[in-house]
């Protein structure tokens, strides 16, 4: 088994304080909680949870791909990503 090492991670102080309280409520410290998260991350090779809350992505990311393709065609952007001059100037 490998030796434990110290790693510095930058955290928002308010998030760290709240996370410490939550972890303490479960009977563990924040270091153990972070280690548990990292173990799960490496076992699954993905985040061990589904992120929730308001997305920072533009609404178009949630649109139907057919609608996006139709819009792109309307403004002159073909599948190659190049503008072909069909922008609507109305």
N, C-alpha and C. Protein backbone atom coordinates (compact mmCIF):
# COMPACT_ATOMS: atom_id res chain seq x y z
N UNK A 1 0.84 -1.18 0.00
CA UNK A 1 0.00 0.00 0.00
C UNK A 1 0.89 1.25 0.00
N UNK A 2 0.44 2.29 -0.68
CA UNK A 2 1.25 3.50 -0.75
C UNK A 2 1.12 4.32 0.52
N UNK A 3 2.13 5.13 0.73
CA UNK A 3 2.17 6.00 1.89
C UNK A 3 1.27 7.21 1.69
N UNK A 4 0.60 7.66 2.74
CA UNK A 4 -0.20 8.88 2.64
C UNK A 4 0.73 10.06 2.43
N UNK A 5 0.29 11.00 1.63
CA UNK A 5 1.06 12.21 1.40
C UNK A 5 0.17 13.41 1.65
N UNK A 6 0.80 14.53 1.84
CA UNK A 6 0.06 15.77 2.04
C UNK A 6 -0.07 16.47 0.70
N UNK A 7 -1.27 16.95 0.42
CA UNK A 7 -1.57 17.66 -0.81
C UNK A 7 -2.32 18.92 -0.44
N UNK A 8 -1.91 20.02 -1.01
CA UNK A 8 -2.61 21.28 -0.75
C UNK A 8 -3.67 21.48 -1.83
N UNK A 9 -4.90 21.71 -1.40
CA UNK A 9 -6.00 21.98 -2.31
C UNK A 9 -6.59 23.33 -1.91
N UNK A 10 -6.78 24.20 -2.88
CA UNK A 10 -7.38 25.51 -2.60
C UNK A 10 -8.89 25.36 -2.56
N UNK A 11 -9.49 25.87 -1.51
CA UNK A 11 -10.93 25.80 -1.33
C UNK A 11 -11.48 27.16 -0.94
N UNK A 12 -12.71 27.41 -1.31
CA UNK A 12 -13.41 28.59 -0.83
C UNK A 12 -13.60 28.41 0.67
N UNK A 13 -13.24 29.41 1.47
CA UNK A 13 -13.28 29.25 2.92
C UNK A 13 -14.67 28.97 3.46
N UNK A 14 -15.69 29.59 2.86
CA UNK A 14 -17.06 29.36 3.32
C UNK A 14 -17.52 27.94 2.98
N UNK A 15 -17.18 27.48 1.77
CA UNK A 15 -17.54 26.12 1.37
C UNK A 15 -16.81 25.13 2.27
N UNK A 16 -15.54 25.38 2.53
CA UNK A 16 -14.76 24.49 3.40
C UNK A 16 -15.37 24.41 4.80
N UNK A 17 -15.76 25.55 5.34
CA UNK A 17 -16.33 25.58 6.69
C UNK A 17 -17.64 24.79 6.73
N UNK A 18 -18.49 25.01 5.74
CA UNK A 18 -19.77 24.31 5.72
C UNK A 18 -19.56 22.81 5.50
N UNK A 19 -18.66 22.45 4.58
CA UNK A 19 -18.37 21.04 4.32
C UNK A 19 -17.80 20.37 5.56
N UNK A 20 -16.98 21.08 6.31
CA UNK A 20 -16.42 20.53 7.56
C UNK A 20 -17.54 20.22 8.56
N UNK A 21 -18.52 21.11 8.64
CA UNK A 21 -19.66 20.89 9.54
C UNK A 21 -20.47 19.68 9.11
N UNK A 22 -20.71 19.57 7.81
CA UNK A 22 -21.48 18.44 7.29
C UNK A 22 -20.73 17.13 7.56
N UNK A 23 -19.44 17.11 7.27
CA UNK A 23 -18.64 15.91 7.50
C UNK A 23 -18.63 15.55 8.99
N UNK A 24 -18.46 16.54 9.85
CA UNK A 24 -18.46 16.29 11.30
C UNK A 24 -19.78 15.69 11.75
N UNK A 25 -20.88 16.14 11.13
CA UNK A 25 -22.18 15.59 11.45
C UNK A 25 -22.31 14.12 11.08
N UNK A 26 -21.44 13.65 10.17
CA UNK A 26 -21.43 12.24 9.79
C UNK A 26 -20.35 11.46 10.54
N UNK A 27 -19.65 12.17 11.45
CA UNK A 27 -18.63 11.50 12.25
C UNK A 27 -17.27 11.36 11.58
N UNK A 28 -17.03 12.15 10.54
CA UNK A 28 -15.72 12.13 9.88
C UNK A 28 -15.20 13.54 9.76
N UNK A 29 -13.89 13.66 9.50
CA UNK A 29 -13.35 14.99 9.27
C UNK A 29 -13.31 15.27 7.77
N UNK A 30 -13.00 16.50 7.41
CA UNK A 30 -13.02 16.91 6.00
C UNK A 30 -11.97 16.15 5.20
N UNK A 31 -10.83 15.89 5.78
CA UNK A 31 -9.78 15.15 5.08
C UNK A 31 -10.28 13.76 4.69
N UNK A 32 -10.96 13.09 5.60
CA UNK A 32 -11.49 11.76 5.30
C UNK A 32 -12.56 11.86 4.21
N UNK A 33 -13.40 12.88 4.29
CA UNK A 33 -14.45 13.06 3.28
C UNK A 33 -13.84 13.26 1.90
N UNK A 34 -12.81 14.08 1.81
CA UNK A 34 -12.14 14.32 0.52
C UNK A 34 -11.50 13.03 0.02
N UNK A 35 -10.85 12.29 0.90
CA UNK A 35 -10.25 11.01 0.50
C UNK A 35 -11.31 10.04 0.00
N UNK A 36 -12.46 9.99 0.68
CA UNK A 36 -13.54 9.11 0.25
C UNK A 36 -14.02 9.52 -1.15
N UNK A 37 -14.16 10.82 -1.36
CA UNK A 37 -14.57 11.32 -2.67
C UNK A 37 -13.57 10.90 -3.75
N UNK A 38 -12.28 11.07 -3.47
CA UNK A 38 -11.25 10.74 -4.46
C UNK A 38 -11.19 9.25 -4.75
N UNK A 39 -11.41 8.41 -3.74
CA UNK A 39 -11.44 6.96 -3.95
C UNK A 39 -12.60 6.61 -4.88
N UNK A 40 -13.77 7.17 -4.62
CA UNK A 40 -14.93 6.90 -5.47
C UNK A 40 -14.73 7.43 -6.88
N UNK A 41 -14.11 8.59 -7.01
CA UNK A 41 -13.82 9.18 -8.31
C UNK A 41 -12.93 8.26 -9.13
N UNK A 42 -11.90 7.70 -8.50
CA UNK A 42 -10.98 6.84 -9.23
C UNK A 42 -11.58 5.45 -9.49
N UNK A 43 -12.44 4.96 -8.60
CA UNK A 43 -13.07 3.66 -8.84
C UNK A 43 -14.03 3.72 -10.02
N UNK A 44 -14.81 4.77 -10.09
CA UNK A 44 -15.83 4.91 -11.14
C UNK A 44 -15.28 5.56 -12.41
N UNK A 45 -14.15 6.23 -12.27
CA UNK A 45 -13.55 6.99 -13.37
C UNK A 45 -14.50 8.08 -13.87
N UNK A 46 -15.32 8.57 -12.94
CA UNK A 46 -16.24 9.68 -13.20
C UNK A 46 -16.68 10.24 -11.85
N UNK A 47 -17.37 11.37 -11.88
CA UNK A 47 -17.85 11.93 -10.62
C UNK A 47 -18.81 10.94 -9.96
N UNK A 48 -18.69 10.77 -8.65
CA UNK A 48 -19.55 9.81 -7.96
C UNK A 48 -20.93 10.38 -7.60
N UNK A 49 -21.36 11.38 -8.31
CA UNK A 49 -22.66 12.00 -8.09
C UNK A 49 -23.06 12.73 -9.35
N UNK A 50 -24.32 13.08 -9.45
CA UNK A 50 -24.81 13.87 -10.57
C UNK A 50 -24.90 15.32 -10.10
N UNK A 51 -24.12 16.21 -10.72
CA UNK A 51 -24.19 17.61 -10.31
C UNK A 51 -25.62 18.14 -10.46
N UNK A 52 -26.05 18.95 -9.52
CA UNK A 52 -27.38 19.53 -9.57
C UNK A 52 -27.28 21.04 -9.46
N UNK A 53 -28.40 21.69 -9.62
CA UNK A 53 -28.43 23.14 -9.52
C UNK A 53 -28.47 23.78 -10.89
N UNK A 54 -28.44 25.08 -10.90
CA UNK A 54 -28.52 25.84 -12.15
C UNK A 54 -27.23 25.65 -12.94
N UNK A 55 -27.39 25.32 -14.19
CA UNK A 55 -26.25 25.13 -15.08
C UNK A 55 -25.71 26.48 -15.53
N UNK A 56 -24.41 26.55 -15.73
CA UNK A 56 -23.79 27.75 -16.29
C UNK A 56 -23.72 27.69 -17.81
N UNK A 57 -24.18 26.57 -18.38
CA UNK A 57 -24.15 26.43 -19.82
C UNK A 57 -25.30 27.20 -20.45
N UNK A 58 -25.08 27.70 -21.66
CA UNK A 58 -26.17 28.41 -22.35
C UNK A 58 -27.36 27.48 -22.55
N UNK A 59 -28.56 28.06 -22.59
CA UNK A 59 -29.76 27.26 -22.78
C UNK A 59 -29.72 26.42 -24.05
N UNK A 60 -29.02 26.90 -25.08
CA UNK A 60 -28.98 26.17 -26.34
C UNK A 60 -28.40 24.77 -26.13
N UNK A 61 -27.58 24.55 -25.11
CA UNK A 61 -27.02 23.22 -24.86
C UNK A 61 -28.11 22.22 -24.52
N UNK A 62 -29.26 22.70 -24.11
CA UNK A 62 -30.37 21.82 -23.76
C UNK A 62 -31.37 21.67 -24.90
N UNK A 63 -31.11 22.35 -26.00
CA UNK A 63 -32.03 22.29 -27.14
C UNK A 63 -31.84 21.00 -27.92
N UNK A 64 -32.86 20.66 -28.67
CA UNK A 64 -32.82 19.49 -29.54
C UNK A 64 -31.75 19.70 -30.62
N UNK A 65 -30.88 18.73 -30.87
CA UNK A 65 -29.84 18.87 -31.90
C UNK A 65 -30.39 19.20 -33.28
N UNK A 66 -31.59 18.72 -33.60
CA UNK A 66 -32.20 19.04 -34.90
C UNK A 66 -32.54 20.52 -34.97
N UNK A 67 -33.02 21.10 -33.87
CA UNK A 67 -33.33 22.53 -33.83
C UNK A 67 -32.06 23.35 -33.99
N UNK A 68 -31.00 22.91 -33.34
CA UNK A 68 -29.71 23.63 -33.44
C UNK A 68 -29.20 23.58 -34.87
N UNK A 69 -29.27 22.40 -35.50
CA UNK A 69 -28.81 22.26 -36.89
C UNK A 69 -29.62 23.14 -37.82
N UNK A 70 -30.95 23.18 -37.62
CA UNK A 70 -31.81 24.02 -38.45
C UNK A 70 -31.47 25.50 -38.26
N UNK A 71 -31.23 25.92 -37.04
CA UNK A 71 -30.86 27.31 -36.77
C UNK A 71 -29.53 27.63 -37.44
N UNK A 72 -28.55 26.73 -37.28
CA UNK A 72 -27.23 26.96 -37.89
C UNK A 72 -27.36 27.08 -39.40
N UNK A 73 -28.19 26.24 -40.01
CA UNK A 73 -28.38 26.30 -41.46
C UNK A 73 -29.03 27.63 -41.85
N UNK A 74 -29.98 28.07 -41.04
CA UNK A 74 -30.68 29.33 -41.32
C UNK A 74 -29.70 30.50 -41.32
N UNK A 75 -28.73 30.50 -40.43
CA UNK A 75 -27.79 31.62 -40.37
C UNK A 75 -26.54 31.38 -41.20
N UNK A 76 -26.50 30.23 -41.91
CA UNK A 76 -25.40 30.00 -42.85
C UNK A 76 -24.23 29.23 -42.30
N UNK A 77 -24.37 28.59 -41.17
CA UNK A 77 -23.28 27.78 -40.64
C UNK A 77 -23.61 26.32 -40.93
N UNK A 78 -22.79 25.71 -41.75
CA UNK A 78 -23.01 24.32 -42.11
C UNK A 78 -22.30 23.43 -41.09
N UNK A 79 -22.42 22.13 -41.27
CA UNK A 79 -21.85 21.16 -40.33
C UNK A 79 -20.33 21.29 -40.19
N UNK A 80 -19.68 21.95 -41.16
CA UNK A 80 -18.23 22.10 -41.07
C UNK A 80 -17.83 23.23 -40.13
N UNK A 81 -18.81 23.95 -39.55
CA UNK A 81 -18.53 25.00 -38.59
C UNK A 81 -18.15 26.33 -39.21
N UNK A 82 -18.13 26.40 -40.54
CA UNK A 82 -17.73 27.62 -41.24
C UNK A 82 -18.97 28.40 -41.65
N UNK A 83 -18.92 29.72 -41.49
CA UNK A 83 -20.03 30.55 -41.93
C UNK A 83 -19.97 30.68 -43.44
N UNK A 84 -21.09 30.41 -44.10
CA UNK A 84 -21.14 30.46 -45.55
C UNK A 84 -21.95 31.67 -46.03
N UNK A 85 -22.08 32.66 -45.17
CA UNK A 85 -22.67 33.94 -45.57
C UNK A 85 -24.17 33.98 -45.64
N UNK A 86 -24.85 33.05 -45.03
CA UNK A 86 -26.31 33.05 -45.09
C UNK A 86 -26.96 33.70 -43.89
N UNK A 87 -26.21 34.52 -43.15
CA UNK A 87 -26.77 35.15 -41.96
C UNK A 87 -28.01 35.94 -42.31
N UNK A 88 -29.00 35.84 -41.44
CA UNK A 88 -30.23 36.59 -41.62
C UNK A 88 -30.02 38.00 -41.09
N UNK A 89 -30.18 39.01 -41.92
CA UNK A 89 -29.92 40.39 -41.52
C UNK A 89 -31.20 41.17 -41.28
N UNK A 90 -32.34 40.49 -41.20
CA UNK A 90 -33.61 41.18 -40.98
C UNK A 90 -33.65 41.81 -39.61
